[in-house]
Amino acid sequence: MDYVRTGKVDWTGDNPPIYLKTDPQGEWSTLALFFRINGSDLGRGHMTLVLEDPYDRGVANPIRLCCTDNAPLARYLLDDFVRKFGLFRPAHAAIDALEIVSGAVFSVEADYPRHVTEVAQFDGHRVEMRWSGLQEMFAVAQPPQDSQTGRHEMFSVFQPATSASITFDGRPLPGATVERDFFDRRAQSAALAHSESWIRA
């Protein structure tokens, strides 16, 4: 049997999302991603991306930030992956306007499986992404034609959360997770993504 994938591993790590809506029937009010990259051509590193009002619906002074401890890696992730992710494709203007803030310090606070909180601190600011009520894990192997980039095999272990939140300097961003189709099941729009790997076909 062929146990070894011959494609190039572009990166491997964790990539959990949180997507929030203020109106369950409306557009997404906040899109957020966390990256913990354990291996890539640009090294290791972390990135927290938060886009409030990602589709420019008129929210005054939305929180939009990208902080990292490896700026070249963050730029690569934004340009080669995030822009190709389905919910982020209509958010190009918001991504174009981002300033990548380097020198962030990252930590994790957890009472697993009750919650996992990824913390990023930079320039006196603090961002928290919190996944609560973690459910059973399941594994996904997605071929290139079905993956978000269309050119990578994607392997991951997902662990849906029953709820999630994002805070910036202690202020919760508006919105809540909503139930949606998630691979072969229904789940809330937030999950941990363990051991995620993108292999270029």
N, C-alpha and C. Protein backbone atom coordinates (compact mmCIF):
# COMPACT_ATOMS: atom_id res chain seq x y z
N MET A 1 0.84 -1.20 0.00
CA MET A 1 0.00 0.00 0.00
C MET A 1 0.87 1.25 0.00
N ASP A 2 0.29 2.34 -0.52
CA ASP A 2 1.01 3.62 -0.59
C ASP A 2 0.69 4.43 0.66
N TYR A 3 1.59 4.40 1.63
CA TYR A 3 1.35 5.08 2.89
C TYR A 3 1.87 6.51 2.90
N VAL A 4 2.76 6.86 1.96
CA VAL A 4 3.45 8.15 2.00
C VAL A 4 2.88 9.07 0.93
N ARG A 5 2.49 10.28 1.33
CA ARG A 5 2.06 11.30 0.38
C ARG A 5 3.30 11.94 -0.24
N THR A 6 3.29 12.09 -1.57
CA THR A 6 4.47 12.61 -2.26
C THR A 6 4.46 14.13 -2.40
N GLY A 7 3.34 14.78 -2.09
CA GLY A 7 3.26 16.22 -2.21
C GLY A 7 4.08 16.92 -1.14
N LYS A 8 4.30 18.22 -1.35
CA LYS A 8 5.08 19.03 -0.41
C LYS A 8 4.20 19.49 0.75
N VAL A 9 4.69 19.30 1.96
CA VAL A 9 3.98 19.79 3.14
C VAL A 9 4.26 21.29 3.27
N ASP A 10 3.26 22.12 2.96
CA ASP A 10 3.47 23.57 3.04
C ASP A 10 3.44 24.06 4.48
N TRP A 11 2.56 23.51 5.30
CA TRP A 11 2.61 23.81 6.73
C TRP A 11 1.81 22.79 7.51
N THR A 12 2.14 22.69 8.77
CA THR A 12 1.41 21.82 9.68
C THR A 12 1.33 22.51 11.04
N GLY A 13 0.21 22.34 11.70
CA GLY A 13 0.01 22.98 12.99
C GLY A 13 -1.45 22.94 13.39
N ASP A 14 -1.92 24.00 14.04
CA ASP A 14 -3.32 24.13 14.45
C ASP A 14 -3.90 25.38 13.80
N ASN A 15 -5.18 25.33 13.48
CA ASN A 15 -5.81 26.44 12.77
C ASN A 15 -7.30 26.55 13.14
N PRO A 16 -7.61 26.80 14.42
CA PRO A 16 -9.00 26.83 14.84
C PRO A 16 -9.71 28.14 14.48
N PRO A 17 -10.96 28.05 14.01
CA PRO A 17 -11.74 29.24 13.67
C PRO A 17 -12.81 29.55 14.72
N ILE A 18 -13.23 30.81 14.73
CA ILE A 18 -14.46 31.25 15.40
C ILE A 18 -15.16 32.21 14.46
N TYR A 19 -16.41 31.90 14.13
CA TYR A 19 -17.22 32.75 13.25
C TYR A 19 -18.50 33.13 14.01
N LEU A 20 -18.77 34.44 14.08
CA LEU A 20 -19.89 34.94 14.89
C LEU A 20 -20.89 35.70 14.03
N LYS A 21 -22.17 35.65 14.47
CA LYS A 21 -23.23 36.44 13.86
C LYS A 21 -24.03 37.14 14.94
N THR A 22 -24.39 38.40 14.69
CA THR A 22 -25.33 39.08 15.58
C THR A 22 -26.77 38.73 15.22
N ASP A 23 -27.02 38.43 13.95
CA ASP A 23 -28.32 37.97 13.46
C ASP A 23 -28.11 36.59 12.85
N PRO A 24 -28.70 35.54 13.45
CA PRO A 24 -28.47 34.19 12.93
C PRO A 24 -28.81 34.03 11.45
N GLN A 25 -29.72 34.89 10.94
CA GLN A 25 -30.09 34.80 9.54
C GLN A 25 -29.31 35.77 8.65
N GLY A 26 -28.46 36.59 9.27
CA GLY A 26 -27.74 37.62 8.53
C GLY A 26 -26.32 37.21 8.18
N GLU A 27 -25.54 38.23 7.78
CA GLU A 27 -24.14 38.00 7.41
C GLU A 27 -23.31 37.77 8.67
N TRP A 28 -22.12 37.23 8.45
CA TRP A 28 -21.18 37.06 9.55
C TRP A 28 -20.75 38.43 10.08
N SER A 29 -20.76 38.57 11.39
CA SER A 29 -20.35 39.84 11.99
C SER A 29 -18.87 39.86 12.34
N THR A 30 -18.29 38.69 12.62
CA THR A 30 -16.86 38.60 12.92
C THR A 30 -16.32 37.26 12.43
N LEU A 31 -15.19 37.31 11.74
CA LEU A 31 -14.46 36.11 11.35
C LEU A 31 -13.10 36.15 12.05
N ALA A 32 -12.72 35.05 12.68
CA ALA A 32 -11.44 35.02 13.38
C ALA A 32 -10.79 33.66 13.21
N LEU A 33 -9.47 33.68 13.07
CA LEU A 33 -8.67 32.48 12.94
C LEU A 33 -7.45 32.59 13.84
N PHE A 34 -7.05 31.45 14.38
CA PHE A 34 -5.80 31.37 15.12
C PHE A 34 -4.93 30.34 14.43
N PHE A 35 -3.65 30.63 14.28
CA PHE A 35 -2.69 29.70 13.69
C PHE A 35 -1.57 29.43 14.70
N ARG A 36 -1.27 28.17 14.88
CA ARG A 36 -0.06 27.76 15.58
C ARG A 36 0.69 26.85 14.61
N ILE A 37 1.68 27.39 13.94
CA ILE A 37 2.39 26.66 12.90
C ILE A 37 3.60 25.97 13.51
N ASN A 38 3.64 24.65 13.41
CA ASN A 38 4.74 23.88 13.97
C ASN A 38 5.85 23.62 12.97
N GLY A 39 5.54 23.78 11.67
CA GLY A 39 6.56 23.59 10.66
C GLY A 39 6.13 24.17 9.33
N SER A 40 7.04 24.91 8.68
CA SER A 40 6.81 25.48 7.35
C SER A 40 8.15 25.94 6.81
N ASP A 41 8.20 26.31 5.53
CA ASP A 41 9.44 26.84 4.96
C ASP A 41 9.82 28.17 5.60
N LEU A 42 8.85 28.84 6.22
CA LEU A 42 9.10 30.12 6.88
C LEU A 42 9.21 29.98 8.39
N GLY A 43 9.40 28.75 8.82
CA GLY A 43 9.63 28.51 10.24
C GLY A 43 8.35 28.27 11.02
N ARG A 44 8.49 28.40 12.32
CA ARG A 44 7.38 28.22 13.24
C ARG A 44 6.81 29.57 13.63
N GLY A 45 5.59 29.57 14.17
CA GLY A 45 5.05 30.84 14.61
C GLY A 45 3.56 30.77 14.88
N HIS A 46 3.02 31.92 15.32
CA HIS A 46 1.61 32.06 15.66
C HIS A 46 1.03 33.26 14.93
N MET A 47 -0.27 33.23 14.71
CA MET A 47 -0.97 34.39 14.18
C MET A 47 -2.40 34.39 14.68
N THR A 48 -2.87 35.54 15.12
CA THR A 48 -4.28 35.74 15.44
C THR A 48 -4.83 36.76 14.46
N LEU A 49 -5.92 36.37 13.79
CA LEU A 49 -6.58 37.24 12.82
C LEU A 49 -8.02 37.45 13.25
N VAL A 50 -8.42 38.71 13.39
CA VAL A 50 -9.79 39.06 13.76
C VAL A 50 -10.31 40.12 12.79
N LEU A 51 -11.42 39.82 12.13
CA LEU A 51 -12.06 40.76 11.23
C LEU A 51 -13.50 40.98 11.68
N GLU A 52 -13.73 42.07 12.40
CA GLU A 52 -15.10 42.47 12.71
C GLU A 52 -15.67 43.20 11.49
N ASP A 53 -16.95 42.97 11.20
CA ASP A 53 -17.58 43.51 9.99
C ASP A 53 -16.71 43.21 8.76
N PRO A 54 -16.47 41.94 8.48
CA PRO A 54 -15.52 41.59 7.41
C PRO A 54 -15.96 42.01 6.03
N TYR A 55 -17.27 42.21 5.82
CA TYR A 55 -17.78 42.52 4.49
C TYR A 55 -18.21 43.98 4.36
N ASP A 56 -17.73 44.83 5.28
CA ASP A 56 -17.94 46.28 5.20
C ASP A 56 -19.43 46.63 5.13
N ARG A 57 -20.16 46.20 6.16
CA ARG A 57 -21.60 46.49 6.23
C ARG A 57 -21.91 47.76 7.00
N GLY A 58 -20.88 48.51 7.39
CA GLY A 58 -21.12 49.82 7.99
C GLY A 58 -20.90 49.92 9.47
N VAL A 59 -20.28 48.93 10.11
CA VAL A 59 -19.96 49.02 11.53
C VAL A 59 -18.89 50.09 11.74
N ALA A 60 -19.13 50.96 12.71
CA ALA A 60 -18.17 52.04 12.98
C ALA A 60 -16.94 51.48 13.71
N ASN A 61 -15.78 51.82 13.21
CA ASN A 61 -14.50 51.46 13.83
C ASN A 61 -14.41 49.97 14.18
N PRO A 62 -14.56 49.10 13.20
CA PRO A 62 -14.51 47.67 13.50
C PRO A 62 -13.12 47.24 13.93
N ILE A 63 -13.07 46.22 14.78
CA ILE A 63 -11.80 45.63 15.19
C ILE A 63 -11.31 44.73 14.06
N ARG A 64 -10.18 45.09 13.50
CA ARG A 64 -9.56 44.28 12.45
C ARG A 64 -8.07 44.23 12.75
N LEU A 65 -7.58 43.06 13.04
CA LEU A 65 -6.18 42.97 13.45
C LEU A 65 -5.57 41.67 13.00
N CYS A 66 -4.27 41.74 12.84
CA CYS A 66 -3.45 40.56 12.55
C CYS A 66 -2.17 40.71 13.36
N CYS A 67 -2.00 39.89 14.37
CA CYS A 67 -0.80 39.96 15.19
C CYS A 67 -0.08 38.63 15.14
N THR A 68 1.24 38.68 15.25
CA THR A 68 2.05 37.49 15.01
C THR A 68 3.40 37.61 15.70
N ASP A 69 4.10 36.49 15.77
CA ASP A 69 5.50 36.49 16.19
C ASP A 69 6.42 36.08 15.04
N ASN A 70 5.85 36.03 13.82
CA ASN A 70 6.64 35.69 12.62
C ASN A 70 5.95 36.37 11.44
N ALA A 71 6.33 37.60 11.15
CA ALA A 71 5.62 38.40 10.14
C ALA A 71 5.68 37.79 8.74
N PRO A 72 6.83 37.28 8.25
CA PRO A 72 6.82 36.66 6.92
C PRO A 72 5.86 35.47 6.83
N LEU A 73 5.81 34.68 7.88
CA LEU A 73 4.89 33.55 7.91
C LEU A 73 3.44 34.04 7.89
N ALA A 74 3.13 35.08 8.65
CA ALA A 74 1.77 35.61 8.69
C ALA A 74 1.35 36.11 7.31
N ARG A 75 2.22 36.81 6.62
CA ARG A 75 1.90 37.32 5.29
C ARG A 75 1.64 36.16 4.33
N TYR A 76 2.46 35.13 4.43
CA TYR A 76 2.27 33.94 3.60
C TYR A 76 0.92 33.28 3.88
N LEU A 77 0.57 33.13 5.13
CA LEU A 77 -0.71 32.51 5.48
C LEU A 77 -1.88 33.34 4.97
N LEU A 78 -1.79 34.65 5.11
CA LEU A 78 -2.86 35.53 4.62
C LEU A 78 -3.02 35.42 3.11
N ASP A 79 -1.92 35.54 2.39
CA ASP A 79 -1.99 35.63 0.93
C ASP A 79 -2.26 34.29 0.26
N ASP A 80 -1.67 33.21 0.80
CA ASP A 80 -1.75 31.93 0.11
C ASP A 80 -2.84 31.01 0.65
N PHE A 81 -3.40 31.35 1.81
CA PHE A 81 -4.40 30.48 2.40
C PHE A 81 -5.67 31.24 2.80
N VAL A 82 -5.56 32.20 3.72
CA VAL A 82 -6.76 32.85 4.24
C VAL A 82 -7.60 33.46 3.13
N ARG A 83 -6.97 34.13 2.18
CA ARG A 83 -7.72 34.76 1.09
C ARG A 83 -8.49 33.73 0.25
N LYS A 84 -8.08 32.48 0.31
CA LYS A 84 -8.74 31.43 -0.47
C LYS A 84 -9.82 30.70 0.33
N PHE A 85 -9.86 30.92 1.65
CA PHE A 85 -10.88 30.27 2.48
C PHE A 85 -12.24 30.88 2.16
N GLY A 86 -13.26 30.03 2.06
CA GLY A 86 -14.55 30.46 1.53
C GLY A 86 -15.14 31.71 2.16
N LEU A 87 -15.22 31.79 3.48
CA LEU A 87 -15.84 32.95 4.12
C LEU A 87 -14.99 34.20 4.01
N PHE A 88 -13.69 34.04 3.73
CA PHE A 88 -12.78 35.18 3.66
C PHE A 88 -12.64 35.73 2.24
N ARG A 89 -13.09 34.99 1.24
CA ARG A 89 -12.95 35.48 -0.13
C ARG A 89 -13.65 36.81 -0.35
N PRO A 90 -14.86 37.05 0.21
CA PRO A 90 -15.49 38.36 0.04
C PRO A 90 -14.91 39.45 0.94
N ALA A 91 -13.91 39.11 1.77
CA ALA A 91 -13.37 40.07 2.74
C ALA A 91 -12.01 40.61 2.31
N HIS A 92 -11.73 40.61 1.00
CA HIS A 92 -10.41 41.04 0.53
C HIS A 92 -10.09 42.48 0.92
N ALA A 93 -11.07 43.36 0.88
CA ALA A 93 -10.80 44.76 1.22
C ALA A 93 -10.36 44.88 2.67
N ALA A 94 -11.01 44.14 3.55
CA ALA A 94 -10.63 44.17 4.96
C ALA A 94 -9.24 43.58 5.17
N ILE A 95 -8.92 42.52 4.44
CA ILE A 95 -7.59 41.91 4.55
C ILE A 95 -6.53 42.84 3.97
N ASP A 96 -6.85 43.50 2.85
CA ASP A 96 -5.90 44.44 2.23
C ASP A 96 -5.51 45.55 3.20
N ALA A 97 -6.46 45.97 4.04
CA ALA A 97 -6.22 47.11 4.93
C ALA A 97 -5.51 46.71 6.22
N LEU A 98 -5.27 45.43 6.42
CA LEU A 98 -4.66 44.98 7.66
C LEU A 98 -3.21 45.43 7.78
N GLU A 99 -2.82 45.81 8.96
CA GLU A 99 -1.41 45.97 9.30
C GLU A 99 -0.99 44.73 10.09
N ILE A 100 0.08 44.08 9.68
CA ILE A 100 0.58 42.94 10.42
C ILE A 100 1.45 43.45 11.56
N VAL A 101 1.01 43.17 12.78
CA VAL A 101 1.73 43.61 13.97
C VAL A 101 2.58 42.46 14.45
N SER A 102 3.89 42.64 14.42
CA SER A 102 4.80 41.58 14.86
C SER A 102 5.18 41.80 16.33
N GLY A 103 5.86 40.84 16.88
CA GLY A 103 6.30 40.93 18.26
C GLY A 103 5.24 40.55 19.28
N ALA A 104 4.13 39.96 18.83
CA ALA A 104 3.09 39.54 19.76
C ALA A 104 3.57 38.36 20.60
N VAL A 105 3.00 38.26 21.79
CA VAL A 105 3.32 37.16 22.70
C VAL A 105 2.06 36.32 22.86
N PHE A 106 2.21 35.01 22.71
CA PHE A 106 1.06 34.11 22.69
C PHE A 106 1.12 33.15 23.87
N SER A 107 -0.06 32.83 24.39
CA SER A 107 -0.18 31.86 25.48
C SER A 107 -1.53 31.19 25.38
N VAL A 108 -1.70 30.12 26.12
CA VAL A 108 -2.96 29.40 26.12
C VAL A 108 -3.41 29.19 27.56
N GLU A 109 -4.72 29.36 27.78
CA GLU A 109 -5.33 29.10 29.07
C GLU A 109 -6.42 28.06 28.83
N ALA A 110 -6.40 26.96 29.57
CA ALA A 110 -7.33 25.88 29.26
C ALA A 110 -7.80 25.17 30.51
N ASP A 111 -9.04 24.77 30.47
CA ASP A 111 -9.62 23.81 31.41
C ASP A 111 -10.34 22.79 30.53
N TYR A 112 -9.53 22.00 29.86
CA TYR A 112 -10.01 21.10 28.82
C TYR A 112 -10.83 19.96 29.43
N PRO A 113 -11.99 19.60 28.87
CA PRO A 113 -12.61 20.12 27.65
C PRO A 113 -13.63 21.24 27.87
N ARG A 114 -13.62 21.82 29.06
CA ARG A 114 -14.59 22.90 29.32
C ARG A 114 -14.31 24.11 28.43
N HIS A 115 -13.03 24.46 28.31
CA HIS A 115 -12.69 25.57 27.41
C HIS A 115 -11.22 25.53 27.08
N VAL A 116 -10.88 26.12 25.94
CA VAL A 116 -9.50 26.42 25.56
C VAL A 116 -9.49 27.87 25.09
N THR A 117 -8.59 28.68 25.63
CA THR A 117 -8.50 30.09 25.28
C THR A 117 -7.11 30.41 24.77
N GLU A 118 -7.03 30.87 23.52
CA GLU A 118 -5.77 31.32 22.94
C GLU A 118 -5.65 32.83 23.15
N VAL A 119 -4.55 33.26 23.74
CA VAL A 119 -4.34 34.65 24.12
C VAL A 119 -3.20 35.23 23.31
N ALA A 120 -3.41 36.42 22.77
CA ALA A 120 -2.35 37.16 22.08
C ALA A 120 -2.24 38.53 22.71
N GLN A 121 -1.02 38.97 23.03
CA GLN A 121 -0.79 40.28 23.63
C GLN A 121 0.24 41.03 22.80
N PHE A 122 -0.09 42.29 22.50
CA PHE A 122 0.80 43.12 21.68
C PHE A 122 0.51 44.58 21.96
N ASP A 123 1.53 45.40 22.05
CA ASP A 123 1.42 46.86 22.19
C ASP A 123 0.40 47.25 23.26
N GLY A 124 0.37 46.54 24.36
CA GLY A 124 -0.55 46.84 25.45
C GLY A 124 -1.96 46.32 25.25
N HIS A 125 -2.21 45.62 24.17
CA HIS A 125 -3.53 45.06 23.89
C HIS A 125 -3.54 43.55 24.17
N ARG A 126 -4.75 43.04 24.39
CA ARG A 126 -4.93 41.61 24.67
C ARG A 126 -6.15 41.10 23.90
N VAL A 127 -5.95 40.06 23.11
CA VAL A 127 -7.03 39.42 22.36
C VAL A 127 -7.17 38.00 22.88
N GLU A 128 -8.41 37.60 23.14
CA GLU A 128 -8.69 36.24 23.59
C GLU A 128 -9.69 35.59 22.64
N MET A 129 -9.36 34.41 22.18
CA MET A 129 -10.29 33.56 21.43
C MET A 129 -10.56 32.35 22.29
N ARG A 130 -11.85 32.14 22.62
CA ARG A 130 -12.22 31.10 23.59
C ARG A 130 -13.24 30.13 22.99
N TRP A 131 -12.89 28.85 23.03
CA TRP A 131 -13.78 27.77 22.58
C TRP A 131 -14.27 27.05 23.83
N SER A 132 -15.59 26.95 23.98
CA SER A 132 -16.17 26.37 25.19
C SER A 132 -17.02 25.14 24.86
N GLY A 133 -17.08 24.22 25.82
CA GLY A 133 -17.90 23.04 25.65
C GLY A 133 -17.44 22.17 24.49
N LEU A 134 -16.20 21.72 24.55
CA LEU A 134 -15.61 20.98 23.43
C LEU A 134 -16.22 19.59 23.32
N GLN A 135 -16.53 19.21 22.09
CA GLN A 135 -17.22 17.95 21.82
C GLN A 135 -16.25 16.89 21.30
N GLU A 136 -16.78 15.78 20.83
CA GLU A 136 -15.95 14.68 20.37
C GLU A 136 -15.15 15.07 19.12
N MET A 137 -13.91 14.64 19.06
CA MET A 137 -13.07 14.91 17.90
C MET A 137 -13.43 14.00 16.74
N PHE A 138 -13.18 14.49 15.52
CA PHE A 138 -13.31 13.64 14.34
C PHE A 138 -12.25 14.06 13.32
N ALA A 139 -11.85 13.11 12.50
CA ALA A 139 -10.75 13.32 11.56
C ALA A 139 -11.27 13.56 10.15
N VAL A 140 -10.56 14.41 9.41
CA VAL A 140 -10.93 14.76 8.04
C VAL A 140 -9.71 14.61 7.14
N ALA A 141 -9.91 14.00 5.98
CA ALA A 141 -8.90 13.95 4.92
C ALA A 141 -9.58 14.48 3.67
N GLN A 142 -9.19 15.66 3.23
CA GLN A 142 -9.88 16.35 2.14
C GLN A 142 -8.99 16.40 0.90
N PRO A 143 -9.46 15.88 -0.24
CA PRO A 143 -8.64 15.90 -1.46
C PRO A 143 -8.54 17.32 -2.02
N PRO A 144 -7.57 17.57 -2.89
CA PRO A 144 -7.35 18.93 -3.40
C PRO A 144 -8.60 19.55 -4.04
N GLN A 145 -9.36 18.78 -4.80
CA GLN A 145 -10.51 19.37 -5.49
C GLN A 145 -11.59 19.85 -4.52
N ASP A 146 -11.55 19.39 -3.27
CA ASP A 146 -12.55 19.81 -2.29
C ASP A 146 -11.99 20.78 -1.25
N SER A 147 -10.67 20.97 -1.24
CA SER A 147 -10.09 21.82 -0.20
C SER A 147 -10.27 23.29 -0.55
N GLN A 148 -10.06 24.13 0.45
CA GLN A 148 -10.30 25.57 0.28
C GLN A 148 -9.36 26.20 -0.75
N THR A 149 -8.15 25.69 -0.90
CA THR A 149 -7.23 26.28 -1.88
C THR A 149 -7.39 25.66 -3.26
N GLY A 150 -7.95 24.45 -3.33
CA GLY A 150 -8.08 23.76 -4.60
C GLY A 150 -6.80 23.12 -5.09
N ARG A 151 -5.73 23.23 -4.30
CA ARG A 151 -4.44 22.66 -4.74
C ARG A 151 -3.71 21.91 -3.63
N HIS A 152 -4.36 21.74 -2.49
CA HIS A 152 -3.76 21.03 -1.37
C HIS A 152 -4.67 19.90 -0.89
N GLU A 153 -4.04 18.79 -0.50
CA GLU A 153 -4.72 17.87 0.39
C GLU A 153 -4.70 18.50 1.79
N MET A 154 -5.81 18.37 2.51
CA MET A 154 -5.87 18.93 3.86
C MET A 154 -6.27 17.82 4.82
N PHE A 155 -5.46 17.65 5.85
CA PHE A 155 -5.75 16.68 6.89
C PHE A 155 -5.89 17.44 8.21
N SER A 156 -6.89 17.08 9.01
CA SER A 156 -7.07 17.76 10.29
C SER A 156 -7.90 16.91 11.22
N VAL A 157 -7.78 17.18 12.49
CA VAL A 157 -8.67 16.62 13.51
C VAL A 157 -9.45 17.78 14.11
N PHE A 158 -10.75 17.78 13.87
CA PHE A 158 -11.61 18.87 14.33
C PHE A 158 -12.31 18.48 15.63
N GLN A 159 -12.52 19.50 16.46
CA GLN A 159 -13.24 19.32 17.71
C GLN A 159 -14.21 20.49 17.88
N PRO A 160 -15.47 20.30 17.47
CA PRO A 160 -16.43 21.41 17.55
C PRO A 160 -16.64 21.88 18.98
N ALA A 161 -16.91 23.17 19.11
CA ALA A 161 -17.28 23.78 20.38
C ALA A 161 -18.78 24.02 20.40
N THR A 162 -19.36 24.03 21.59
CA THR A 162 -20.79 24.36 21.70
C THR A 162 -21.02 25.86 21.71
N SER A 163 -19.98 26.63 22.04
CA SER A 163 -20.05 28.09 21.97
C SER A 163 -18.64 28.64 21.91
N ALA A 164 -18.52 29.92 21.57
CA ALA A 164 -17.20 30.54 21.48
C ALA A 164 -17.34 32.06 21.60
N SER A 165 -16.22 32.71 21.92
CA SER A 165 -16.25 34.16 22.05
C SER A 165 -14.89 34.73 21.70
N ILE A 166 -14.89 36.02 21.38
CA ILE A 166 -13.66 36.77 21.08
C ILE A 166 -13.72 38.06 21.89
N THR A 167 -12.68 38.38 22.62
CA THR A 167 -12.62 39.64 23.34
C THR A 167 -11.37 40.41 22.95
N PHE A 168 -11.52 41.73 22.92
CA PHE A 168 -10.40 42.63 22.64
C PHE A 168 -10.31 43.60 23.80
N ASP A 169 -9.21 43.56 24.54
CA ASP A 169 -9.02 44.39 25.73
C ASP A 169 -10.22 44.27 26.67
N GLY A 170 -10.71 43.05 26.83
CA GLY A 170 -11.80 42.79 27.75
C GLY A 170 -13.20 43.02 27.20
N ARG A 171 -13.31 43.59 26.00
CA ARG A 171 -14.63 43.86 25.42
C ARG A 171 -15.01 42.71 24.50
N PRO A 172 -16.13 42.04 24.79
CA PRO A 172 -16.56 40.96 23.88
C PRO A 172 -16.99 41.54 22.53
N LEU A 173 -16.53 40.94 21.47
CA LEU A 173 -17.02 41.33 20.15
C LEU A 173 -18.45 40.79 19.99
N PRO A 174 -19.30 41.56 19.31
CA PRO A 174 -20.71 41.16 19.23
C PRO A 174 -20.91 39.91 18.40
N GLY A 175 -21.94 39.17 18.75
CA GLY A 175 -22.31 38.00 17.98
C GLY A 175 -22.13 36.71 18.75
N ALA A 176 -22.64 35.65 18.17
CA ALA A 176 -22.55 34.31 18.75
C ALA A 176 -22.36 33.32 17.62
N THR A 177 -21.91 32.14 17.97
CA THR A 177 -21.81 31.08 16.97
C THR A 177 -23.21 30.66 16.53
N VAL A 178 -23.29 30.08 15.34
CA VAL A 178 -24.56 29.57 14.82
C VAL A 178 -24.34 28.14 14.32
N GLU A 179 -25.40 27.38 14.30
CA GLU A 179 -25.30 26.01 13.79
C GLU A 179 -25.21 26.04 12.27
N ARG A 180 -24.37 25.20 11.73
CA ARG A 180 -24.18 25.15 10.27
C ARG A 180 -23.72 23.75 9.87
N ASP A 181 -23.75 23.48 8.57
CA ASP A 181 -23.20 22.23 8.05
C ASP A 181 -21.68 22.26 8.24
N PHE A 182 -21.15 21.16 8.75
CA PHE A 182 -19.71 21.07 9.00
C PHE A 182 -19.27 19.66 8.63
N PHE A 183 -18.77 19.51 7.41
CA PHE A 183 -18.43 18.22 6.85
C PHE A 183 -19.66 17.32 6.88
N ASP A 184 -19.65 16.21 7.61
CA ASP A 184 -20.77 15.27 7.54
C ASP A 184 -21.76 15.44 8.69
N ARG A 185 -21.76 16.64 9.32
CA ARG A 185 -22.59 16.82 10.51
C ARG A 185 -23.00 18.28 10.64
N ARG A 186 -23.81 18.54 11.66
CA ARG A 186 -24.17 19.90 12.02
C ARG A 186 -23.40 20.27 13.28
N ALA A 187 -22.86 21.48 13.32
CA ALA A 187 -22.08 21.92 14.48
C ALA A 187 -22.09 23.43 14.52
N GLN A 188 -21.74 23.97 15.68
CA GLN A 188 -21.61 25.41 15.81
C GLN A 188 -20.40 25.91 15.01
N SER A 189 -20.40 27.21 14.71
CA SER A 189 -19.40 27.80 13.82
C SER A 189 -18.10 28.16 14.55
N ALA A 190 -17.62 27.20 15.33
CA ALA A 190 -16.33 27.34 16.02
C ALA A 190 -15.84 25.95 16.36
N ALA A 191 -14.57 25.73 16.17
CA ALA A 191 -14.01 24.41 16.45
C ALA A 191 -12.50 24.54 16.65
N LEU A 192 -11.95 23.66 17.46
CA LEU A 192 -10.52 23.49 17.44
C LEU A 192 -10.14 22.68 16.21
N ALA A 193 -8.97 22.96 15.67
CA ALA A 193 -8.47 22.23 14.50
C ALA A 193 -7.06 21.77 14.84
N HIS A 194 -6.95 20.53 15.29
CA HIS A 194 -5.69 19.98 15.76
C HIS A 194 -4.91 19.36 14.60
N SER A 195 -3.60 19.49 14.65
CA SER A 195 -2.73 18.74 13.73
C SER A 195 -3.12 18.94 12.28
N GLU A 196 -3.45 20.18 11.93
CA GLU A 196 -3.86 20.46 10.55
C GLU A 196 -2.63 20.53 9.65
N SER A 197 -2.72 19.88 8.49
CA SER A 197 -1.59 19.84 7.56
C SER A 197 -2.10 20.07 6.16
N TRP A 198 -1.38 20.91 5.40
CA TRP A 198 -1.73 21.23 4.02
C TRP A 198 -0.60 20.74 3.13
N ILE A 199 -0.92 19.74 2.28
CA ILE A 199 0.07 19.09 1.42
C ILE A 199 -0.24 19.47 -0.02
N ARG A 200 0.70 20.15 -0.66
CA ARG A 200 0.49 20.59 -2.03
C ARG A 200 0.50 19.41 -2.99
N ALA A 201 -0.56 19.28 -3.77
CA ALA A 201 -0.68 18.14 -4.67
C ALA A 201 0.28 18.30 -5.85
